[in-house]
C-alpha atoms as a PDB file:
ATOM      1  CA  MET A   1       0.039  -0.043  -0.095  1.00  0.00           C
ATOM      2  CA  GLN A   2       1.374   3.370  -0.965  1.00  0.00           C
ATOM      3  CA  VAL A   3       1.822   6.484   0.888  1.00  0.00           C
ATOM      4  CA  LEU A   4      -0.769   9.095   0.312  1.00  0.00           C
ATOM      5  CA  ASP A   5       0.738  11.565  -2.302  1.00  0.00           C
ATOM      6  CA  SER A   6       1.560  14.923  -0.795  1.00  0.00           C
ATOM      7  CA  GLN A   7       0.610  16.629  -4.054  1.00  0.00           C
ATOM      8  CA  PHE A   8      -3.163  16.316  -2.922  1.00  0.00           C
ATOM      9  CA  ILE A   9      -2.642  18.098   0.374  1.00  0.00           C
ATOM     10  CA  TYR A  10      -1.701  21.572  -0.823  1.00  0.00           C
ATOM     11  CA  SER A  11      -3.822  24.055  -2.784  1.00  0.00           C
ATOM     12  CA  LYS A  12      -2.255  26.101  -5.478  1.00  0.00           C
ATOM     13  CA  ASP A  13      -3.145  28.505  -8.065  1.00  0.00           C
ATOM     14  CA  ILE A  14      -2.781  27.557 -11.963  1.00  0.00           C
ATOM     15  CA  GLU A  15      -2.318  30.103 -14.433  1.00  0.00           C
ATOM     16  CA  GLY A  16      -3.815  29.258 -17.830  1.00  0.00           C
ATOM     17  CA  SER A  17      -5.619  30.766 -20.756  1.00  0.00           C
ATOM     18  CA  GLN A  18      -8.629  31.357 -19.016  1.00  0.00           C
ATOM     19  CA  GLY A  19      -6.636  33.069 -16.111  1.00  0.00           C
ATOM     20  CA  VAL A  20      -5.836  31.840 -12.674  1.00  0.00           C
ATOM     21  CA  LYS A  21      -8.019  28.998 -11.361  1.00  0.00           C
ATOM     22  CA  LYS A  22      -7.832  26.956  -8.090  1.00  0.00           C
ATOM     23  CA  GLU A  23      -6.653  23.412  -8.379  1.00  0.00           C
ATOM     24  CA  ARG A  24      -8.895  21.032  -6.421  1.00  0.00           C
ATOM     25  CA  THR A  25      -7.000  19.558  -3.432  1.00  0.00           C
ATOM     26  CA  LEU A  26      -7.599  17.799  -0.359  1.00  0.00           C
ATOM     27  CA  GLY A  27      -8.017  19.659   2.783  1.00  0.00           C
ATOM     28  CA  LYS A  28      -6.586  18.288   6.384  1.00  0.00           C
ATOM     29  CA  ASP A  29      -9.983  16.790   7.311  1.00  0.00           C
ATOM     30  CA  ALA A  30     -10.393  14.756   4.064  1.00  0.00           C
ATOM     31  CA  PHE A  31      -6.814  13.642   4.399  1.00  0.00           C
ATOM     32  CA  LEU A  32      -7.190  12.291   7.761  1.00  0.00           C
ATOM     33  CA  THR A  33     -10.354  10.425   6.667  1.00  0.00           C
ATOM     34  CA  MET A  34      -8.436   8.935   3.937  1.00  0.00           C
ATOM     35  CA  LEU A  35      -5.706   7.938   6.147  1.00  0.00           C
ATOM     36  CA  VAL A  36      -7.996   6.310   8.779  1.00  0.00           C
ATOM     37  CA  ALA A  37      -9.845   4.495   6.099  1.00  0.00           C
ATOM     38  CA  GLN A  38      -6.816   3.100   4.622  1.00  0.00           C
ATOM     39  CA  MET A  39      -5.748   1.672   8.087  1.00  0.00           C
ATOM     40  CA  LYS A  40      -9.102   0.012   8.294  1.00  0.00           C
ATOM     41  CA  ASN A  41      -9.136  -1.456   5.044  1.00  0.00           C
ATOM     42  CA  GLN A  42      -5.531  -2.563   4.600  1.00  0.00           C
ATOM     43  CA  ASP A  43      -4.659  -5.979   3.611  1.00  0.00           C
ATOM     44  CA  PRO A  44      -3.872  -7.983   6.917  1.00  0.00           C
ATOM     45  CA  LEU A  45      -1.362 -10.026   4.779  1.00  0.00           C
ATOM     46  CA  ASN A  46       0.350  -6.824   3.545  1.00  0.00           C
ATOM     47  CA  PRO A  47      -0.021  -4.215   6.386  1.00  0.00           C
ATOM     48  CA  VAL A  48       1.190  -0.782   5.942  1.00  0.00           C
ATOM     49  CA  GLU A  49       5.007  -0.731   7.049  1.00  0.00           C
ATOM     50  CA  ASN A  50       6.107   1.576   9.787  1.00  0.00           C
ATOM     51  CA  THR A  51       7.981   3.628   7.400  1.00  0.00           C
ATOM     52  CA  GLU A  52       4.928   4.276   5.320  1.00  0.00           C
ATOM     53  CA  PHE A  53       2.599   5.122   8.154  1.00  0.00           C
ATOM     54  CA  THR A  54       5.323   7.333   9.642  1.00  0.00           C
ATOM     55  CA  ALA A  55       5.480   9.200   6.576  1.00  0.00           C
ATOM     56  CA  GLN A  56       1.850   9.519   6.128  1.00  0.00           C
ATOM     57  CA  LEU A  57       1.560  10.917   9.748  1.00  0.00           C
ATOM     58  CA  ALA A  58       4.469  13.358   9.001  1.00  0.00           C
ATOM     59  CA  GLN A  59       2.318  14.531   6.041  1.00  0.00           C
ATOM     60  CA  PHE A  60      -0.536  15.167   8.234  1.00  0.00           C
ATOM     61  CA  SER A  61       1.612  16.873  10.817  1.00  0.00           C
ATOM     62  CA  SER A  62       2.854  19.127   8.196  1.00  0.00           C
ATOM     63  CA  LEU A  63      -0.609  20.049   6.740  1.00  0.00           C
ATOM     64  CA  GLU A  64      -1.844  20.681  10.485  1.00  0.00           C
ATOM     65  CA  GLN A  65       0.870  23.076  11.045  1.00  0.00           C
ATOM     66  CA  MET A  66       0.415  24.946   7.864  1.00  0.00           C
ATOM     67  CA  PHE A  67      -3.303  25.470   8.657  1.00  0.00           C
ATOM     68  CA  ASN A  68      -2.355  26.622  12.081  1.00  0.00           C
ATOM     69  CA  VAL A  69       0.079  29.160  10.762  1.00  0.00           C
ATOM     70  CA  ASN A  70      -2.651  30.421   8.271  1.00  0.00           C
ATOM     71  CA  GLU A  71      -5.150  30.806  11.203  1.00  0.00           C
ATOM     72  CA  ASN A  72      -2.511  32.750  13.278  1.00  0.00           C
ATOM     73  CA  LEU A  73      -1.607  35.022  10.308  1.00  0.00           C
ATOM     74  CA  LYS A  74      -5.295  35.951   9.895  1.00  0.00           C
ATOM     75  CA  ASN A  75      -5.579  36.689  13.631  1.00  0.00           C
ATOM     76  CA  ILE A  76      -2.508  38.814  13.587  1.00  0.00           C
ATOM     77  CA  GLU A  77      -3.842  40.649  10.735  1.00  0.00           C
ATOM     78  CA  MET A  78      -7.178  41.305  12.312  1.00  0.00           C
ATOM     79  CA  ILE A  79      -5.471  42.578  15.493  1.00  0.00           C
ATOM     80  CA  GLN A  80      -3.354  44.752  13.548  1.00  0.00           C
ATOM     81  CA  SER A  81      -6.309  46.280  11.624  1.00  0.00           C
ATOM     82  CA  SER A  82      -8.181  46.736  14.832  1.00  0.00           C
ATOM     83  CA  LEU A  83      -5.156  48.675  16.293  1.00  0.00           C
ATOM     84  CA  ASN A  84      -4.893  50.792  13.253  1.00  0.00           C
ATOM     85  CA  ASN A  85      -8.540  51.656  13.185  1.00  0.00           C
ATOM     86  CA  THR A  86      -8.206  52.641  16.935  1.00  0.00           C
ATOM     87  CA  GLN A  87      -5.139  54.731  16.446  1.00  0.00           C
ATOM     88  CA  ALA A  88      -6.797  56.648  13.478  1.00  0.00           C
ATOM     89  CA  VAL A  89      -9.774  57.490  15.651  1.00  0.00           C
ATOM     90  CA  ASN A  90      -7.594  58.711  18.362  1.00  0.00           C
ATOM     91  CA  ILE A  91      -5.851  61.188  15.852  1.00  0.00           C
ATOM     92  CA  ILE A  92      -9.159  62.954  15.121  1.00  0.00           C
ATOM     93  CA  GLY A  93      -8.697  66.729  16.288  1.00  0.00           C
ATOM     94  CA  LYS A  94      -4.959  66.639  16.165  1.00  0.00           C
ATOM     95  CA  GLU A  95      -2.532  68.167  13.503  1.00  0.00           C
ATOM     96  CA  VAL A  96      -0.588  65.921  11.318  1.00  0.00           C
ATOM     97  CA  LYS A  97       1.990  65.901   8.748  1.00  0.00           C
ATOM     98  CA  ALA A  98       1.785  63.384   5.950  1.00  0.00           C
ATOM     99  CA  GLU A  99       3.489  62.592   2.615  1.00  0.00           C
ATOM    100  CA  GLY A 100       1.123  63.975  -0.084  1.00  0.00           C
ATOM    101  CA  ASN A 101       0.748  66.748  -2.871  1.00  0.00           C
ATOM    102  CA  SER A 102      -2.576  68.284  -2.718  1.00  0.00           C
ATOM    103  CA  VAL A 103      -4.122  71.130  -1.139  1.00  0.00           C
ATOM    104  CA  LYS A 104      -7.720  72.235  -0.629  1.00  0.00           C
ATOM    105  CA  LEU A 105      -8.864  75.769  -1.802  1.00  0.00           C
ATOM    106  CA  SER A 106     -11.969  77.073  -0.072  1.00  0.00           C
ATOM    107  CA  ASP A 107     -13.601  80.467   0.355  1.00  0.00           C
ATOM    108  CA  SER A 108     -10.978  81.975  -1.830  1.00  0.00           C
ATOM    109  CA  LYS A 109      -8.432  81.867   0.958  1.00  0.00           C
ATOM    110  CA  SER A 110      -4.869  81.495   0.504  1.00  0.00           C
ATOM    111  CA  VAL A 111      -3.438  77.904   1.383  1.00  0.00           C
ATOM    112  CA  SER A 112       0.173  76.714   2.141  1.00  0.00           C
ATOM    113  CA  ILE A 113       1.948  74.442  -0.028  1.00  0.00           C
ATOM    114  CA  ASN A 114       4.610  72.546   1.834  1.00  0.00           C
ATOM    115  CA  TYR A 115       7.666  70.526   0.779  1.00  0.00           C
ATOM    116  CA  LYS A 116      10.897  69.338   2.068  1.00  0.00           C
ATOM    117  CA  LEU A 117      14.495  69.834   0.496  1.00  0.00           C
ATOM    118  CA  SER A 118      17.154  67.283   0.940  1.00  0.00           C
ATOM    119  CA  SER A 119      19.799  70.025   0.481  1.00  0.00           C
ATOM    120  CA  GLY A 120      19.967  73.698  -0.189  1.00  0.00           C
ATOM    121  CA  ALA A 121      18.488  74.751  -3.533  1.00  0.00           C
ATOM    122  CA  HIS A 122      19.409  77.581  -5.685  1.00  0.00           C
ATOM    123  CA  GLU A 123      15.948  77.609  -7.430  1.00  0.00           C
ATOM    124  CA  VAL A 124      12.690  75.819  -6.647  1.00  0.00           C
ATOM    125  CA  LYS A 125       9.622  75.513  -8.900  1.00  0.00           C
ATOM    126  CA  ILE A 126       6.154  74.693  -7.794  1.00  0.00           C
ATOM    127  CA  ASN A 127       3.696  73.713 -10.456  1.00  0.00           C
ATOM    128  CA  ILE A 128      -0.107  73.860  -9.567  1.00  0.00           C
ATOM    129  CA  TYR A 129      -2.491  71.543 -11.286  1.00  0.00           C
ATOM    130  CA  SER A 130      -6.326  71.108 -11.553  1.00  0.00           C
ATOM    131  CA  SER A 131      -8.045  67.908 -10.646  1.00  0.00           C
ATOM    132  CA  ARG A 132      -7.878  66.929 -14.343  1.00  0.00           C
ATOM    133  CA  GLY A 133      -4.085  67.320 -14.488  1.00  0.00           C
ATOM    134  CA  GLU A 134      -4.177  70.759 -16.367  1.00  0.00           C
ATOM    135  CA  LEU A 135      -1.263  72.930 -15.328  1.00  0.00           C
ATOM    136  CA  LEU A 136      -2.535  76.122 -13.898  1.00  0.00           C
ATOM    137  CA  ARG A 137       0.402  77.971 -12.623  1.00  0.00           C
ATOM    138  CA  THR A 138       4.129  77.698 -12.081  1.00  0.00           C
ATOM    139  CA  ILE A 139       5.791  79.725  -8.961  1.00  0.00           C
ATOM    140  CA  SER A 140       9.457  79.901  -8.682  1.00  0.00           C
ATOM    141  CA  GLU A 141      11.372  80.517  -5.302  1.00  0.00           C
ATOM    142  CA  ILE A 142      15.097  80.980  -5.127  1.00  0.00           C
ATOM    143  CA  SER A 143      17.756  80.347  -2.389  1.00  0.00           C
ATOM    144  CA  LYS A 144      15.938  77.821  -0.227  1.00  0.00           C
ATOM    145  CA  ASP A 145      17.696  75.948   2.733  1.00  0.00           C
ATOM    146  CA  ALA A 146      17.778  72.383   3.377  1.00  0.00           C
ATOM    147  CA  GLY A 147      14.547  71.134   5.204  1.00  0.00           C
ATOM    148  CA  GLU A 148      10.939  72.051   5.369  1.00  0.00           C
ATOM    149  CA  GLN A 149       9.695  75.015   3.321  1.00  0.00           C
ATOM    150  CA  SER A 150       6.252  76.282   2.818  1.00  0.00           C
ATOM    151  CA  LEU A 151       4.859  78.657   0.073  1.00  0.00           C
ATOM    152  CA  ILE A 152       1.509  80.531   0.392  1.00  0.00           C
ATOM    153  CA  TRP A 153      -0.490  80.254  -2.657  1.00  0.00           C
ATOM    154  CA  ASP A 154      -3.158  82.953  -3.084  1.00  0.00           C
ATOM    155  CA  GLY A 155      -5.577  80.473  -5.125  1.00  0.00           C
ATOM    156  CA  LYS A 156      -4.941  82.212  -8.427  1.00  0.00           C
ATOM    157  CA  ASP A 157      -3.763  80.869 -11.763  1.00  0.00           C
ATOM    158  CA  GLY A 158      -0.859  81.938 -13.895  1.00  0.00           C
ATOM    159  CA  LYS A 159      -3.352  84.788 -15.394  1.00  0.00           C
ATOM    160  CA  GLY A 160      -4.209  86.140 -11.984  1.00  0.00           C
ATOM    161  CA  ASN A 161      -7.683  84.762 -12.012  1.00  0.00           C
ATOM    162  CA  SER A 162      -9.145  83.360  -8.716  1.00  0.00           C
ATOM    163  CA  LEU A 163      -9.839  79.620  -8.927  1.00  0.00           C
ATOM    164  CA  PRO A 164     -12.808  77.850  -7.633  1.00  0.00           C
ATOM    165  CA  ASP A 165     -12.879  75.979  -4.507  1.00  0.00           C
ATOM    166  CA  GLY A 166     -11.804  72.394  -4.845  1.00  0.00           C
ATOM    167  CA  ILE A 167      -8.888  69.982  -4.493  1.00  0.00           C
ATOM    168  CA  TYR A 168      -5.707  71.022  -6.245  1.00  0.00           C
ATOM    169  CA  SER A 169      -2.435  68.686  -6.650  1.00  0.00           C
ATOM    170  CA  PHE A 170       1.110  70.204  -6.858  1.00  0.00           C
ATOM    171  CA  MET A 171       4.598  69.136  -7.975  1.00  0.00           C
ATOM    172  CA  VAL A 172       7.925  70.619  -6.607  1.00  0.00           C
ATOM    173  CA  SER A 173      11.194  70.451  -8.321  1.00  0.00           C
ATOM    174  CA  ALA A 174      14.581  72.014  -7.104  1.00  0.00           C
ATOM    175  CA  ARG A 175      18.119  72.418  -8.356  1.00  0.00           C
ATOM    176  CA  GLY A 176      21.347  73.407  -6.628  1.00  0.00           C
ATOM    177  CA  PRO A 177      23.829  76.341  -7.322  1.00  0.00           C
ATOM    178  CA  SER A 178      25.567  73.926  -9.994  1.00  0.00           C
ATOM    179  CA  GLY A 179      22.282  73.028 -11.706  1.00  0.00           C
ATOM    180  CA  ASN A 180      22.254  69.569  -9.932  1.00  0.00           C
ATOM    181  CA  GLU A 181      18.775  68.111  -9.076  1.00  0.00           C
ATOM    182  CA  VAL A 182      17.888  68.383  -5.601  1.00  0.00           C
ATOM    183  CA  GLY A 183      15.725  65.864  -3.785  1.00  0.00           C
ATOM    184  CA  VAL A 184      12.284  67.019  -2.913  1.00  0.00           C
ATOM    185  CA  SER A 185       9.199  65.391  -0.795  1.00  0.00           C
ATOM    186  CA  THR A 186       5.887  67.124  -0.719  1.00  0.00           C
ATOM    187  CA  LEU A 187       3.769  67.325   2.412  1.00  0.00           C
ATOM    188  CA  ILE A 188       0.249  67.693   3.606  1.00  0.00           C
ATOM    189  CA  LYS A 189      -0.273  69.435   6.915  1.00  0.00           C
ATOM    190  CA  GLY A 190      -3.570  70.004   8.710  1.00  0.00           C
ATOM    191  CA  GLN A 191      -6.163  68.994  11.422  1.00  0.00           C
ATOM    192  CA  VAL A 192      -7.636  65.564  11.105  1.00  0.00           C
ATOM    193  CA  ASN A 193     -11.434  65.872  11.023  1.00  0.00           C
ATOM    194  CA  GLY A 194     -12.526  62.421  10.188  1.00  0.00           C
ATOM    195  CA  VAL A 195     -11.612  58.819   9.499  1.00  0.00           C
ATOM    196  CA  SER A 196     -12.902  56.375   6.795  1.00  0.00           C
ATOM    197  CA  PHE A 197     -12.262  52.677   5.962  1.00  0.00           C
ATOM    198  CA  GLU A 198     -12.270  51.768   2.281  1.00  0.00           C
ATOM    199  CA  ASN A 199     -11.113  48.528   0.764  1.00  0.00           C
ATOM    200  CA  GLY A 200      -9.264  47.571   3.977  1.00  0.00           C
ATOM    201  CA  ASN A 201      -7.401  50.912   4.076  1.00  0.00           C
ATOM    202  CA  THR A 202      -7.579  53.480   6.731  1.00  0.00           C
ATOM    203  CA  LEU A 203      -7.985  56.779   5.530  1.00  0.00           C
ATOM    204  CA  LEU A 204      -7.775  60.373   7.395  1.00  0.00           C
ATOM    205  CA  SER A 205      -9.866  63.181   6.373  1.00  0.00           C
ATOM    206  CA  ILE A 206      -7.541  66.349   6.671  1.00  0.00           C
ATOM    207  CA  GLU A 207      -9.285  69.496   5.618  1.00  0.00           C
ATOM    208  CA  GLY A 208     -11.279  67.721   2.943  1.00  0.00           C
ATOM    209  CA  GLN A 209      -8.337  65.638   1.781  1.00  0.00           C
ATOM    210  CA  LYS A 210      -8.072  61.897   1.967  1.00  0.00           C
ATOM    211  CA  VAL A 211      -4.787  60.599   3.311  1.00  0.00           C
ATOM    212  CA  SER A 212      -3.650  57.316   4.121  1.00  0.00           C
ATOM    213  CA  LEU A 213      -2.699  56.479   7.574  1.00  0.00           C
ATOM    214  CA  GLY A 214       0.322  54.997   6.330  1.00  0.00           C
ATOM    215  CA  SER A 215       1.656  58.161   4.914  1.00  0.00           C
ATOM    216  CA  VAL A 216       1.469  60.109   8.361  1.00  0.00           C
ATOM    217  CA  ILE A 217       4.869  60.974   9.539  1.00  0.00           C
ATOM    218  CA  GLU A 218       4.085  63.419  12.511  1.00  0.00           C
ATOM    219  CA  VAL A 219       1.169  63.973  14.851  1.00  0.00           C
ATOM    220  CA  ASN A 220       0.685  66.926  17.275  1.00  0.00           C
ATOM    221  CA  ASN A 221      -1.602  68.174  19.821  1.00  0.00           C
ATOM    222  CA  ILE A 222      -3.302  71.466  18.702  1.00  0.00           C
ATOM    223  CA  LEU A 223      -2.439  74.068  21.382  1.00  0.00           C
END
């Protein structure tokens, strides 16, 4: 009597012309049922040898451990998700700094565009875009030190026209004295006024802008 083939233990994806599909396999309960049935119906004149039986038990033990690992990983994921949600709710009302490149224009008020330079820059260019990706204005600054910088945008386009309320994006580029490119990271700053959970992602609402919790790099109490 042969040892149960381990190829029937594990589930695996097969990619074919019709896409990815699941190969039908045996789970641990079915494997144990087959193992017991095999022992009950074995030929008394040719019983399963100890080595075969030991190999079958080893297969079952490996399968059981695999299922336990998967279950533990699921539990850890659920706990981590719960902790993230709790952490996000506790941030409501606080001021955060996060990675991002959008600003919200409202009530024709000026807004702050924030960025960080990896080193000193001779010239910095800030391009402001509409929600459709249309370039609305380019603002240039000179002689900026390394570190965080901010620019007050008056909410107008390159022709001096006031733009309507909404979310706008910006891109920042910088060059050093010798014309070399300077590293730039764009930032969003503001007060968290809400939290939403979408497709397994935790999103913070920062003055009307949705920001992933994972992009937050600093949290401060508002004095």
